[in-house]
Amino acid sequence: MYSLLRRCSLLLIMLMTACSTLPDYPPAPAGFYRVQPGDTLYRIAVKHRQSVGNLVNWNQLKDPSSINAGQLLRISPQNSSGPSQPRPTAKPAPTTPSRPAASSIALQWPVRGVVIGKFNGNNNKGIDIAGKEGEPVRAAAGGTVAYAGKGIRAYGNLLIIKHGNDYLTAYAHNQTLLVKEGQTVQAGQQIATLGHSGSSRDMLHFELRRQGKAIDPLSALPAQ
């Protein structure tokens, strides 16, 4: 069950995939935005001066990675006079994911510990690192905090950091979060404390994504 929930990951912030040919969609009504090919929740949030957490909550996104080009997203709070959210008019056919290429980003370990769960690209899109409750969790590379919250139950207290245009790192099951959305962080800076929120034991679940696709973090981490 836990592995199934983990598959509904991020994210939150993934590169949206779509068919190469899309129908013409009507304009979005006031208070909504129609997802375009290549959009990410983070990019949409920044463009409309909202937080990723607001978009997740307003649109009840239980699986943010399933957002598709053509889908309507609420980008402002609903009020009594506002329109009800229309259903998306079309949804691209599912595609078989290709195996991501090896990473070309250099990371440092967010915590030091035994890897108790390895990446397999299916029910574990990252690695699980054992640790002690309260120990520091550090940014694996410098970047901008794209998400800080607990909107995805299986991840508990979750942080996502954006590194340039291509890469994201995710840090899940934290006890406390020490940074906020939009904050710039440096490699090695403490961003959270380790915990077990959304998990049955103290550990850090760590993911690396390139253009929305999960990559084995061990391909970018130095040997311990």
N, C-alpha and C. Protein backbone atom coordinates (compact mmCIF):
# COMPACT_ATOMS: atom_id res chain seq x y z
N MET A 1 0.83 -1.20 0.00
CA MET A 1 0.00 0.00 0.00
C MET A 1 0.87 1.25 0.00
N TYR A 2 1.90 1.21 0.86
CA TYR A 2 2.81 2.37 0.93
C TYR A 2 3.52 2.58 -0.40
N SER A 3 3.97 1.46 -1.03
CA SER A 3 4.66 1.57 -2.31
C SER A 3 3.72 2.13 -3.37
N LEU A 4 2.46 1.73 -3.32
CA LEU A 4 1.49 2.22 -4.29
C LEU A 4 1.29 3.72 -4.12
N LEU A 5 1.20 4.17 -2.87
CA LEU A 5 1.03 5.60 -2.63
C LEU A 5 2.24 6.39 -3.10
N ARG A 6 3.42 5.81 -2.90
CA ARG A 6 4.63 6.52 -3.30
C ARG A 6 4.68 6.75 -4.80
N ARG A 7 4.05 5.86 -5.58
CA ARG A 7 4.07 6.02 -7.03
C ARG A 7 3.33 7.29 -7.44
N CYS A 8 2.41 7.76 -6.57
CA CYS A 8 1.69 9.00 -6.85
C CYS A 8 2.53 10.16 -6.36
N SER A 9 3.73 10.33 -6.87
CA SER A 9 4.69 11.24 -6.32
C SER A 9 4.69 12.55 -7.01
N LEU A 10 5.23 13.28 -6.75
CA LEU A 10 5.59 14.54 -7.19
C LEU A 10 5.05 14.97 -8.48
N LEU A 11 6.56 15.17 -6.88
CA LEU A 11 6.43 15.89 -7.51
C LEU A 11 6.27 16.76 -7.56
N LEU A 12 4.06 16.65 -8.24
CA LEU A 12 4.03 18.00 -7.73
C LEU A 12 4.86 18.90 -8.51
N ILE A 13 5.46 18.67 -9.20
CA ILE A 13 6.40 19.60 -9.69
C ILE A 13 7.04 18.99 -10.92
N MET A 14 6.46 17.95 -11.48
CA MET A 14 7.07 17.22 -12.58
C MET A 14 6.82 17.95 -13.90
N LEU A 15 7.71 17.64 -14.86
CA LEU A 15 7.48 18.13 -16.22
C LEU A 15 6.28 17.42 -16.79
N MET A 16 5.29 18.14 -17.27
CA MET A 16 4.08 17.52 -17.78
C MET A 16 4.34 16.95 -19.18
N THR A 17 3.82 15.76 -19.42
CA THR A 17 3.98 15.13 -20.72
C THR A 17 2.68 15.21 -21.48
N ALA A 18 2.81 15.26 -22.80
CA ALA A 18 1.60 15.34 -23.62
C ALA A 18 1.89 14.76 -24.98
N CYS A 19 0.86 14.47 -25.74
CA CYS A 19 1.02 13.96 -27.10
C CYS A 19 1.63 15.04 -27.96
N SER A 20 2.25 14.62 -29.05
CA SER A 20 2.91 15.59 -29.93
C SER A 20 1.90 16.46 -30.65
N THR A 21 0.69 15.97 -30.86
CA THR A 21 -0.34 16.76 -31.51
C THR A 21 -1.51 16.90 -30.56
N LEU A 22 -1.90 18.14 -30.26
CA LEU A 22 -2.99 18.39 -29.33
C LEU A 22 -4.10 19.17 -30.02
N PRO A 23 -5.36 18.92 -29.67
CA PRO A 23 -6.44 19.71 -30.24
C PRO A 23 -6.41 21.13 -29.72
N ASP A 24 -7.11 22.03 -30.41
CA ASP A 24 -7.21 23.41 -29.95
C ASP A 24 -8.21 23.46 -28.81
N TYR A 25 -7.78 24.01 -27.67
CA TYR A 25 -8.65 24.09 -26.51
C TYR A 25 -9.23 25.50 -26.40
N PRO A 26 -10.45 25.60 -25.89
CA PRO A 26 -11.03 26.93 -25.69
C PRO A 26 -10.29 27.67 -24.59
N PRO A 27 -10.40 28.99 -24.55
CA PRO A 27 -9.73 29.77 -23.50
C PRO A 27 -10.20 29.34 -22.12
N ALA A 28 -9.32 29.47 -21.14
CA ALA A 28 -9.68 29.13 -19.76
C ALA A 28 -10.57 30.22 -19.19
N PRO A 29 -11.59 29.85 -18.41
CA PRO A 29 -12.43 30.87 -17.77
C PRO A 29 -11.66 31.63 -16.70
N ALA A 30 -12.22 32.72 -16.24
CA ALA A 30 -11.57 33.55 -15.22
C ALA A 30 -11.27 32.72 -13.98
N GLY A 31 -10.06 32.89 -13.46
CA GLY A 31 -9.67 32.16 -12.26
C GLY A 31 -9.06 30.80 -12.52
N PHE A 32 -8.95 30.43 -13.81
CA PHE A 32 -8.39 29.13 -14.18
C PHE A 32 -7.25 29.31 -15.18
N TYR A 33 -6.44 28.29 -15.29
CA TYR A 33 -5.34 28.25 -16.28
C TYR A 33 -5.38 26.90 -16.97
N ARG A 34 -5.21 26.92 -18.29
CA ARG A 34 -5.17 25.66 -19.04
C ARG A 34 -3.72 25.24 -19.23
N VAL A 35 -3.40 24.03 -18.77
CA VAL A 35 -2.03 23.52 -18.81
C VAL A 35 -1.55 23.41 -20.26
N GLN A 36 -0.34 23.91 -20.49
CA GLN A 36 0.29 23.85 -21.81
C GLN A 36 1.40 22.80 -21.81
N PRO A 37 1.75 22.27 -22.99
CA PRO A 37 2.85 21.30 -23.05
C PRO A 37 4.12 21.88 -22.44
N GLY A 38 4.77 21.11 -21.58
CA GLY A 38 6.01 21.55 -20.94
C GLY A 38 5.82 22.30 -19.64
N ASP A 39 4.57 22.60 -19.28
CA ASP A 39 4.32 23.30 -18.02
C ASP A 39 4.69 22.43 -16.81
N THR A 40 5.05 23.07 -15.73
CA THR A 40 5.20 22.41 -14.43
C THR A 40 4.34 23.18 -13.43
N LEU A 41 3.96 22.51 -12.36
CA LEU A 41 3.19 23.19 -11.32
C LEU A 41 3.97 24.37 -10.74
N TYR A 42 5.28 24.18 -10.58
CA TYR A 42 6.11 25.25 -10.03
C TYR A 42 6.09 26.46 -10.95
N ARG A 43 6.24 26.23 -12.26
CA ARG A 43 6.25 27.33 -13.22
C ARG A 43 4.90 28.04 -13.24
N ILE A 44 3.82 27.26 -13.21
CA ILE A 44 2.48 27.86 -13.20
C ILE A 44 2.28 28.68 -11.93
N ALA A 45 2.73 28.13 -10.79
CA ALA A 45 2.57 28.84 -9.52
C ALA A 45 3.32 30.17 -9.53
N VAL A 46 4.56 30.16 -10.01
CA VAL A 46 5.35 31.39 -10.05
C VAL A 46 4.71 32.41 -10.99
N LYS A 47 4.26 31.95 -12.15
CA LYS A 47 3.66 32.84 -13.14
C LYS A 47 2.44 33.56 -12.58
N HIS A 48 1.67 32.86 -11.76
CA HIS A 48 0.43 33.44 -11.24
C HIS A 48 0.55 33.87 -9.77
N ARG A 49 1.79 33.94 -9.29
CA ARG A 49 2.08 34.43 -7.94
C ARG A 49 1.31 33.66 -6.88
N GLN A 50 1.36 32.37 -7.01
CA GLN A 50 0.74 31.47 -6.04
C GLN A 50 1.80 30.48 -5.55
N SER A 51 1.47 29.76 -4.50
CA SER A 51 2.35 28.70 -4.04
C SER A 51 1.92 27.38 -4.66
N VAL A 52 2.87 26.46 -4.78
CA VAL A 52 2.54 25.14 -5.28
C VAL A 52 1.50 24.48 -4.37
N GLY A 53 1.66 24.70 -3.07
CA GLY A 53 0.71 24.12 -2.12
C GLY A 53 -0.72 24.58 -2.37
N ASN A 54 -0.90 25.87 -2.72
CA ASN A 54 -2.24 26.36 -3.03
C ASN A 54 -2.83 25.65 -4.24
N LEU A 55 -2.02 25.49 -5.29
CA LEU A 55 -2.52 24.81 -6.49
C LEU A 55 -2.91 23.37 -6.18
N VAL A 56 -2.09 22.71 -5.37
CA VAL A 56 -2.41 21.32 -5.00
C VAL A 56 -3.73 21.27 -4.25
N ASN A 57 -3.93 22.18 -3.31
CA ASN A 57 -5.14 22.17 -2.48
C ASN A 57 -6.38 22.59 -3.26
N TRP A 58 -6.28 23.68 -4.01
CA TRP A 58 -7.45 24.19 -4.74
C TRP A 58 -7.94 23.21 -5.79
N ASN A 59 -7.01 22.43 -6.35
CA ASN A 59 -7.39 21.50 -7.41
C ASN A 59 -7.46 20.05 -6.94
N GLN A 60 -7.27 19.85 -5.62
CA GLN A 60 -7.35 18.51 -5.02
C GLN A 60 -6.50 17.51 -5.81
N LEU A 61 -5.24 17.85 -6.01
CA LEU A 61 -4.34 17.04 -6.82
C LEU A 61 -3.75 15.91 -5.99
N LYS A 62 -4.42 14.78 -6.00
CA LYS A 62 -3.91 13.61 -5.28
C LYS A 62 -2.74 12.99 -6.03
N ASP A 63 -2.69 13.17 -7.33
CA ASP A 63 -1.59 12.64 -8.15
C ASP A 63 -1.15 13.73 -9.12
N PRO A 64 -0.31 14.66 -8.67
CA PRO A 64 0.11 15.77 -9.52
C PRO A 64 0.79 15.34 -10.80
N SER A 65 1.41 14.17 -10.82
CA SER A 65 2.11 13.73 -12.03
C SER A 65 1.16 13.36 -13.15
N SER A 66 -0.16 13.29 -12.87
CA SER A 66 -1.12 12.93 -13.91
C SER A 66 -1.69 14.15 -14.62
N ILE A 67 -1.22 15.33 -14.27
CA ILE A 67 -1.70 16.55 -14.94
C ILE A 67 -1.28 16.51 -16.40
N ASN A 68 -2.19 16.89 -17.28
CA ASN A 68 -1.94 16.81 -18.71
C ASN A 68 -2.18 18.14 -19.40
N ALA A 69 -1.53 18.32 -20.54
CA ALA A 69 -1.81 19.49 -21.37
C ALA A 69 -3.29 19.52 -21.71
N GLY A 70 -3.89 20.69 -21.58
CA GLY A 70 -5.32 20.83 -21.83
C GLY A 70 -6.16 20.83 -20.58
N GLN A 71 -5.58 20.40 -19.46
CA GLN A 71 -6.32 20.36 -18.20
C GLN A 71 -6.48 21.76 -17.62
N LEU A 72 -7.61 22.00 -16.98
CA LEU A 72 -7.86 23.28 -16.33
C LEU A 72 -7.45 23.22 -14.87
N LEU A 73 -6.71 24.22 -14.43
CA LEU A 73 -6.31 24.33 -13.03
C LEU A 73 -6.84 25.63 -12.45
N ARG A 74 -7.39 25.54 -11.25
CA ARG A 74 -7.79 26.76 -10.55
C ARG A 74 -6.53 27.46 -10.06
N ILE A 75 -6.41 28.77 -10.34
CA ILE A 75 -5.22 29.53 -9.96
C ILE A 75 -5.54 30.67 -9.00
N SER A 76 -6.80 30.74 -8.55
CA SER A 76 -7.18 31.73 -7.55
C SER A 76 -8.23 31.11 -6.64
N PRO A 77 -8.36 31.60 -5.42
CA PRO A 77 -9.31 30.98 -4.49
C PRO A 77 -10.73 31.03 -5.02
N GLN A 78 -11.46 29.98 -4.76
CA GLN A 78 -12.86 29.94 -5.18
C GLN A 78 -13.69 30.83 -4.27
N ASN A 79 -14.64 31.59 -4.87
CA ASN A 79 -15.55 32.40 -4.07
C ASN A 79 -16.98 32.08 -4.47
N SER A 80 -17.91 32.65 -3.75
CA SER A 80 -19.31 32.29 -3.95
C SER A 80 -19.82 32.65 -5.33
N SER A 81 -19.22 33.68 -5.95
CA SER A 81 -19.69 34.10 -7.27
C SER A 81 -18.87 33.53 -8.40
N GLY A 82 -17.79 32.82 -8.06
CA GLY A 82 -16.92 32.30 -9.09
C GLY A 82 -17.51 31.07 -9.75
N PRO A 83 -17.05 30.75 -10.96
CA PRO A 83 -17.57 29.58 -11.67
C PRO A 83 -17.07 28.30 -11.04
N SER A 84 -17.84 27.25 -11.14
CA SER A 84 -17.37 25.94 -10.69
C SER A 84 -16.35 25.43 -11.68
N GLN A 85 -15.44 24.58 -11.21
CA GLN A 85 -14.34 24.11 -12.05
C GLN A 85 -14.83 23.16 -13.12
N PRO A 86 -14.60 23.50 -14.41
CA PRO A 86 -15.00 22.59 -15.48
C PRO A 86 -14.09 21.37 -15.51
N ARG A 87 -14.57 20.31 -16.11
CA ARG A 87 -13.74 19.14 -16.29
C ARG A 87 -12.86 19.33 -17.52
N PRO A 88 -11.65 18.75 -17.53
CA PRO A 88 -10.80 18.83 -18.72
C PRO A 88 -11.53 18.26 -19.93
N THR A 89 -11.33 18.91 -21.09
CA THR A 89 -12.03 18.46 -22.29
C THR A 89 -11.34 17.31 -22.98
N ALA A 90 -10.08 17.11 -22.69
CA ALA A 90 -9.37 16.02 -23.34
C ALA A 90 -8.20 15.61 -22.48
N LYS A 91 -7.75 14.39 -22.64
CA LYS A 91 -6.62 13.87 -21.89
C LYS A 91 -5.77 13.01 -22.81
N PRO A 92 -4.49 13.32 -22.97
CA PRO A 92 -3.65 12.52 -23.87
C PRO A 92 -3.61 11.07 -23.45
N ALA A 93 -3.43 10.21 -24.43
CA ALA A 93 -3.32 8.78 -24.15
C ALA A 93 -2.05 8.51 -23.36
N PRO A 94 -2.08 7.55 -22.43
CA PRO A 94 -0.88 7.24 -21.65
C PRO A 94 0.23 6.71 -22.52
N THR A 95 1.45 7.03 -22.14
CA THR A 95 2.61 6.55 -22.88
C THR A 95 3.46 5.69 -21.97
N THR A 96 4.21 4.80 -22.55
CA THR A 96 5.12 3.95 -21.79
C THR A 96 6.37 4.73 -21.45
N PRO A 97 6.71 4.90 -20.17
CA PRO A 97 7.87 5.70 -19.81
C PRO A 97 9.16 5.05 -20.29
N SER A 98 10.05 5.89 -20.79
CA SER A 98 11.35 5.40 -21.21
C SER A 98 12.32 5.46 -20.04
N ARG A 99 13.36 4.67 -20.10
CA ARG A 99 14.35 4.64 -19.02
C ARG A 99 15.14 5.93 -19.04
N PRO A 100 15.17 6.69 -17.93
CA PRO A 100 15.89 7.95 -17.92
C PRO A 100 17.39 7.76 -18.12
N ALA A 101 17.99 8.75 -18.76
CA ALA A 101 19.44 8.71 -18.95
C ALA A 101 20.12 8.98 -17.62
N ALA A 102 21.39 8.62 -17.54
CA ALA A 102 22.15 8.83 -16.31
C ALA A 102 22.24 10.32 -16.00
N SER A 103 22.37 10.63 -14.73
CA SER A 103 22.41 12.03 -14.31
C SER A 103 23.74 12.68 -14.67
N SER A 104 23.68 14.01 -14.92
CA SER A 104 24.90 14.77 -15.15
C SER A 104 25.04 15.89 -14.11
N ILE A 105 24.31 15.78 -13.02
CA ILE A 105 24.41 16.74 -11.92
C ILE A 105 25.17 16.08 -10.77
N ALA A 106 26.03 16.86 -10.12
CA ALA A 106 26.79 16.34 -8.99
C ALA A 106 26.09 16.73 -7.69
N LEU A 107 25.79 15.75 -6.87
CA LEU A 107 25.09 15.99 -5.61
C LEU A 107 25.97 15.61 -4.43
N GLN A 108 25.61 16.10 -3.25
CA GLN A 108 26.21 15.61 -2.01
C GLN A 108 25.12 14.94 -1.20
N TRP A 109 25.51 14.06 -0.31
CA TRP A 109 24.54 13.30 0.45
C TRP A 109 23.72 14.23 1.35
N PRO A 110 22.40 14.13 1.31
CA PRO A 110 21.57 14.96 2.18
C PRO A 110 21.65 14.52 3.64
N VAL A 111 21.86 13.23 3.87
CA VAL A 111 22.15 12.68 5.19
C VAL A 111 23.12 11.52 4.98
N ARG A 112 23.87 11.20 6.02
CA ARG A 112 24.77 10.04 5.95
C ARG A 112 24.11 8.87 6.66
N GLY A 113 24.01 7.77 5.97
CA GLY A 113 23.37 6.61 6.57
C GLY A 113 23.31 5.46 5.59
N VAL A 114 22.78 4.35 6.05
CA VAL A 114 22.67 3.15 5.23
C VAL A 114 21.49 3.30 4.28
N VAL A 115 21.71 2.97 3.01
CA VAL A 115 20.63 2.99 2.02
C VAL A 115 19.81 1.71 2.22
N ILE A 116 18.59 1.87 2.70
CA ILE A 116 17.75 0.71 3.01
C ILE A 116 16.70 0.45 1.93
N GLY A 117 16.59 1.35 0.98
CA GLY A 117 15.66 1.16 -0.13
C GLY A 117 16.27 1.75 -1.38
N LYS A 118 16.43 0.94 -2.41
CA LYS A 118 17.09 1.39 -3.63
C LYS A 118 16.09 1.76 -4.72
N PHE A 119 16.53 2.61 -5.62
CA PHE A 119 15.75 3.05 -6.77
C PHE A 119 15.48 1.88 -7.69
N ASN A 120 14.22 1.77 -8.15
CA ASN A 120 13.93 0.77 -9.18
C ASN A 120 13.09 1.36 -10.31
N GLY A 121 12.73 2.64 -10.22
CA GLY A 121 11.99 3.30 -11.28
C GLY A 121 10.53 2.93 -11.35
N ASN A 122 10.09 2.02 -10.48
CA ASN A 122 8.70 1.57 -10.51
C ASN A 122 7.99 1.98 -9.22
N ASN A 123 8.08 1.15 -8.19
CA ASN A 123 7.42 1.51 -6.92
C ASN A 123 8.34 2.27 -5.97
N ASN A 124 9.58 2.48 -6.34
CA ASN A 124 10.47 3.35 -5.58
C ASN A 124 11.24 4.22 -6.55
N LYS A 125 10.85 5.48 -6.63
CA LYS A 125 11.46 6.40 -7.59
C LYS A 125 12.59 7.21 -6.97
N GLY A 126 13.11 6.72 -5.84
CA GLY A 126 14.25 7.36 -5.20
C GLY A 126 14.98 6.34 -4.36
N ILE A 127 15.67 6.82 -3.33
CA ILE A 127 16.34 5.93 -2.38
C ILE A 127 15.88 6.28 -0.98
N ASP A 128 15.93 5.31 -0.08
CA ASP A 128 15.58 5.51 1.32
C ASP A 128 16.85 5.38 2.15
N ILE A 129 17.13 6.40 2.97
CA ILE A 129 18.35 6.44 3.77
C ILE A 129 17.96 6.42 5.24
N ALA A 130 18.44 5.42 5.97
CA ALA A 130 18.14 5.31 7.39
C ALA A 130 18.86 6.41 8.17
N GLY A 131 18.24 6.85 9.25
CA GLY A 131 18.86 7.87 10.08
C GLY A 131 18.17 7.96 11.43
N LYS A 132 18.58 8.95 12.21
CA LYS A 132 18.01 9.15 13.54
C LYS A 132 17.13 10.40 13.54
N GLU A 133 16.02 10.30 14.22
CA GLU A 133 15.08 11.41 14.30
C GLU A 133 15.78 12.67 14.81
N GLY A 134 15.58 13.76 14.10
CA GLY A 134 16.13 15.04 14.52
C GLY A 134 17.47 15.40 13.90
N GLU A 135 18.14 14.45 13.25
CA GLU A 135 19.44 14.79 12.66
C GLU A 135 19.24 15.68 11.43
N PRO A 136 20.25 16.49 11.07
CA PRO A 136 20.09 17.45 9.98
C PRO A 136 19.90 16.78 8.62
N VAL A 137 19.01 17.36 7.83
CA VAL A 137 18.86 17.03 6.41
C VAL A 137 19.36 18.23 5.64
N ARG A 138 20.27 18.01 4.69
CA ARG A 138 20.92 19.11 4.00
C ARG A 138 20.62 19.08 2.50
N ALA A 139 20.65 20.26 1.89
CA ALA A 139 20.41 20.36 0.45
C ALA A 139 21.51 19.65 -0.31
N ALA A 140 21.12 18.79 -1.24
CA ALA A 140 22.10 18.03 -2.01
C ALA A 140 22.81 18.90 -3.04
N ALA A 141 22.21 20.02 -3.39
CA ALA A 141 22.82 20.99 -4.31
C ALA A 141 22.11 22.32 -4.09
N GLY A 142 22.73 23.40 -4.56
CA GLY A 142 22.11 24.70 -4.42
C GLY A 142 20.91 24.85 -5.33
N GLY A 143 19.95 25.66 -4.92
CA GLY A 143 18.77 25.87 -5.75
C GLY A 143 17.71 26.69 -5.04
N THR A 144 16.48 26.57 -5.53
CA THR A 144 15.34 27.31 -4.99
C THR A 144 14.28 26.33 -4.50
N VAL A 145 13.75 26.58 -3.32
CA VAL A 145 12.71 25.71 -2.77
C VAL A 145 11.43 25.88 -3.59
N ALA A 146 11.02 24.80 -4.25
CA ALA A 146 9.83 24.83 -5.10
C ALA A 146 8.58 24.41 -4.34
N TYR A 147 8.76 23.60 -3.30
CA TYR A 147 7.61 23.13 -2.52
C TYR A 147 8.06 22.83 -1.10
N ALA A 148 7.24 23.23 -0.15
CA ALA A 148 7.48 22.91 1.26
C ALA A 148 6.12 22.70 1.91
N GLY A 149 5.82 21.46 2.27
CA GLY A 149 4.51 21.19 2.86
C GLY A 149 4.26 19.71 3.04
N LYS A 150 3.01 19.38 3.34
CA LYS A 150 2.64 17.99 3.57
C LYS A 150 1.37 17.63 2.80
N GLY A 151 1.29 18.14 1.55
CA GLY A 151 0.11 17.90 0.73
C GLY A 151 0.03 16.52 0.13
N ILE A 152 1.11 15.75 0.17
CA ILE A 152 1.11 14.39 -0.37
C ILE A 152 1.34 13.45 0.80
N ARG A 153 0.29 12.78 1.24
CA ARG A 153 0.31 12.04 2.51
C ARG A 153 1.45 11.03 2.58
N ALA A 154 1.70 10.29 1.51
CA ALA A 154 2.71 9.24 1.55
C ALA A 154 4.13 9.79 1.75
N TYR A 155 4.31 11.10 1.53
CA TYR A 155 5.63 11.71 1.66
C TYR A 155 5.81 12.46 2.97
N GLY A 156 4.75 12.61 3.74
CA GLY A 156 4.86 13.35 4.98
C GLY A 156 5.29 14.79 4.73
N ASN A 157 6.12 15.33 5.61
CA ASN A 157 6.66 16.68 5.42
C ASN A 157 7.70 16.63 4.30
N LEU A 158 7.38 17.29 3.22
CA LEU A 158 8.15 17.16 1.98
C LEU A 158 8.75 18.50 1.55
N LEU A 159 10.00 18.43 1.09
CA LEU A 159 10.65 19.57 0.45
C LEU A 159 11.04 19.18 -0.96
N ILE A 160 10.87 20.11 -1.90
CA ILE A 160 11.36 19.93 -3.26
C ILE A 160 12.19 21.15 -3.62
N ILE A 161 13.39 20.90 -4.12
CA ILE A 161 14.30 21.99 -4.50
C ILE A 161 14.54 21.92 -6.00
N LYS A 162 14.42 23.06 -6.65
CA LYS A 162 14.64 23.18 -8.10
C LYS A 162 16.08 23.63 -8.34
N HIS A 163 16.77 22.91 -9.21
CA HIS A 163 18.16 23.21 -9.54
C HIS A 163 18.23 23.58 -11.02
N GLY A 164 18.22 24.88 -11.33
CA GLY A 164 18.21 25.30 -12.72
C GLY A 164 16.89 24.91 -13.39
N ASN A 165 16.96 24.69 -14.70
CA ASN A 165 15.75 24.39 -15.46
C ASN A 165 15.44 22.91 -15.57
N ASP A 166 16.41 22.05 -15.27
CA ASP A 166 16.24 20.63 -15.58
C ASP A 166 16.05 19.73 -14.37
N TYR A 167 16.61 20.07 -13.24
CA TYR A 167 16.68 19.11 -12.13
C TYR A 167 15.86 19.54 -10.91
N LEU A 168 15.34 18.53 -10.23
CA LEU A 168 14.65 18.69 -8.95
C LEU A 168 15.16 17.63 -8.00
N THR A 169 15.27 17.96 -6.71
CA THR A 169 15.50 16.95 -5.69
C THR A 169 14.37 17.04 -4.68
N ALA A 170 13.98 15.89 -4.15
CA ALA A 170 12.88 15.82 -3.18
C ALA A 170 13.35 15.13 -1.91
N TYR A 171 12.88 15.64 -0.77
CA TYR A 171 13.29 15.16 0.55
C TYR A 171 12.02 14.90 1.36
N ALA A 172 11.73 13.64 1.66
CA ALA A 172 10.45 13.28 2.27
C ALA A 172 10.61 12.68 3.66
N HIS A 173 9.51 12.67 4.41
CA HIS A 173 9.37 12.09 5.75
C HIS A 173 10.08 12.92 6.82
N ASN A 174 10.30 14.21 6.56
CA ASN A 174 11.00 15.04 7.53
C ASN A 174 10.19 15.26 8.80
N GLN A 175 10.92 15.50 9.88
CA GLN A 175 10.27 15.86 11.14
C GLN A 175 9.82 17.32 11.10
N THR A 176 10.74 18.21 10.73
CA THR A 176 10.42 19.63 10.59
C THR A 176 11.07 20.17 9.32
N LEU A 177 10.43 21.18 8.74
CA LEU A 177 10.96 21.87 7.56
C LEU A 177 11.51 23.22 8.00
N LEU A 178 12.71 23.55 7.56
CA LEU A 178 13.39 24.76 8.02
C LEU A 178 13.48 25.84 6.96
N VAL A 179 12.97 25.58 5.76
CA VAL A 179 13.00 26.57 4.68
C VAL A 179 11.59 26.70 4.10
N LYS A 180 11.38 27.78 3.34
CA LYS A 180 10.06 28.08 2.79
C LYS A 180 10.12 28.11 1.26
N GLU A 181 8.95 27.99 0.63
CA GLU A 181 8.87 28.07 -0.82
C GLU A 181 9.42 29.40 -1.31
N GLY A 182 10.21 29.34 -2.38
CA GLY A 182 10.81 30.53 -2.96
C GLY A 182 12.16 30.89 -2.37
N GLN A 183 12.55 30.25 -1.28
CA GLN A 183 13.82 30.55 -0.63
C GLN A 183 14.98 29.92 -1.39
N THR A 184 16.08 30.66 -1.51
CA THR A 184 17.29 30.14 -2.13
C THR A 184 18.13 29.42 -1.08
N VAL A 185 18.63 28.24 -1.43
CA VAL A 185 19.45 27.46 -0.50
C VAL A 185 20.77 27.11 -1.16
N GLN A 186 21.77 26.89 -0.33
CA GLN A 186 23.10 26.51 -0.80
C GLN A 186 23.32 25.02 -0.58
N ALA A 187 24.19 24.44 -1.38
CA ALA A 187 24.55 23.03 -1.19
C ALA A 187 25.10 22.83 0.22
N GLY A 188 24.60 21.84 0.92
CA GLY A 188 25.05 21.56 2.27
C GLY A 188 24.31 22.29 3.36
N GLN A 189 23.45 23.24 2.99
CA GLN A 189 22.68 23.99 3.99
C GLN A 189 21.63 23.08 4.62
N GLN A 190 21.44 23.19 5.93
CA GLN A 190 20.39 22.40 6.58
C GLN A 190 19.04 22.95 6.16
N ILE A 191 18.17 22.05 5.70
CA ILE A 191 16.85 22.44 5.21
C ILE A 191 15.72 21.80 6.01
N ALA A 192 16.05 20.77 6.80
CA ALA A 192 15.02 20.05 7.55
C ALA A 192 15.68 19.21 8.62
N THR A 193 14.85 18.58 9.45
CA THR A 193 15.34 17.55 10.37
C THR A 193 14.69 16.23 10.01
N LEU A 194 15.45 15.17 10.13
CA LEU A 194 14.98 13.85 9.73
C LEU A 194 13.89 13.35 10.66
N GLY A 195 12.95 12.62 10.09
CA GLY A 195 11.85 12.09 10.90
C GLY A 195 11.21 10.88 10.25
N HIS A 196 9.93 10.69 10.56
CA HIS A 196 9.21 9.54 10.00
C HIS A 196 7.78 9.92 9.61
N SER A 197 7.54 11.21 9.30
CA SER A 197 6.21 11.62 8.87
C SER A 197 5.86 10.91 7.57
N GLY A 198 4.73 10.24 7.54
CA GLY A 198 4.33 9.50 6.34
C GLY A 198 5.05 8.19 6.17
N SER A 199 5.80 7.75 7.19
CA SER A 199 6.58 6.51 7.12
C SER A 199 6.47 5.78 8.45
N SER A 200 6.91 4.52 8.44
CA SER A 200 6.84 3.72 9.66
C SER A 200 8.16 3.71 10.43
N ARG A 201 9.20 4.36 9.90
CA ARG A 201 10.48 4.40 10.59
C ARG A 201 11.20 5.69 10.25
N ASP A 202 12.22 6.02 11.04
CA ASP A 202 13.01 7.22 10.80
C ASP A 202 13.87 7.01 9.56
N MET A 203 13.68 7.86 8.56
CA MET A 203 14.48 7.76 7.34
C MET A 203 14.22 8.98 6.47
N LEU A 204 15.08 9.16 5.49
CA LEU A 204 14.86 10.18 4.46
C LEU A 204 14.61 9.47 3.14
N HIS A 205 13.49 9.78 2.51
CA HIS A 205 13.27 9.33 1.13
C HIS A 205 13.75 10.46 0.23
N PHE A 206 14.69 10.16 -0.67
CA PHE A 206 15.36 11.17 -1.48
C PHE A 206 15.18 10.84 -2.96
N GLU A 207 14.70 11.81 -3.73
CA GLU A 207 14.49 11.61 -5.16
C GLU A 207 15.25 12.65 -5.97
N LEU A 208 15.63 12.25 -7.18
CA LEU A 208 16.25 13.13 -8.16
C LEU A 208 15.45 13.03 -9.45
N ARG A 209 15.09 14.16 -10.02
CA ARG A 209 14.33 14.17 -11.26
C ARG A 209 15.00 15.09 -12.27
N ARG A 210 15.01 14.64 -13.53
CA ARG A 210 15.49 15.48 -14.62
C ARG A 210 14.36 15.64 -15.62
N GLN A 211 13.94 16.87 -15.83
CA GLN A 211 12.81 17.17 -16.71
C GLN A 211 11.61 16.30 -16.37
N GLY A 212 11.39 16.11 -15.08
CA GLY A 212 10.23 15.38 -14.60
C GLY A 212 10.40 13.89 -14.48
N LYS A 213 11.47 13.32 -15.02
CA LYS A 213 11.67 11.88 -14.99
C LYS A 213 12.59 11.48 -13.84
N ALA A 214 12.19 10.45 -13.13
CA ALA A 214 12.98 9.98 -11.99
C ALA A 214 14.29 9.36 -12.45
N ILE A 215 15.36 9.68 -11.75
CA ILE A 215 16.70 9.16 -12.01
C ILE A 215 17.22 8.57 -10.71
N ASP A 216 18.00 7.53 -10.79
CA ASP A 216 18.61 6.94 -9.60
C ASP A 216 19.54 7.96 -8.95
N PRO A 217 19.25 8.42 -7.74
CA PRO A 217 20.13 9.40 -7.10
C PRO A 217 21.56 8.91 -6.92
N LEU A 218 21.74 7.59 -6.81
CA LEU A 218 23.10 7.06 -6.62
C LEU A 218 23.99 7.36 -7.82
N SER A 219 23.39 7.64 -8.98
CA SER A 219 24.19 7.97 -10.16
C SER A 219 24.82 9.35 -10.06
N ALA A 220 24.33 10.17 -9.13
CA ALA A 220 24.85 11.53 -8.98
C ALA A 220 25.49 11.78 -7.62
N LEU A 221 25.44 10.79 -6.73
CA LEU A 221 26.01 10.93 -5.40
C LEU A 221 27.39 10.28 -5.32
N PRO A 222 28.31 10.85 -4.55
CA PRO A 222 29.62 10.21 -4.38
C PRO A 222 29.50 8.96 -3.52
N ALA A 223 30.47 8.09 -3.62
CA ALA A 223 30.47 6.88 -2.78
C ALA A 223 30.60 7.29 -1.32
N GLN A 224 29.90 6.59 -0.45
CA GLN A 224 30.00 6.87 0.99
C GLN A 224 31.22 6.19 1.59
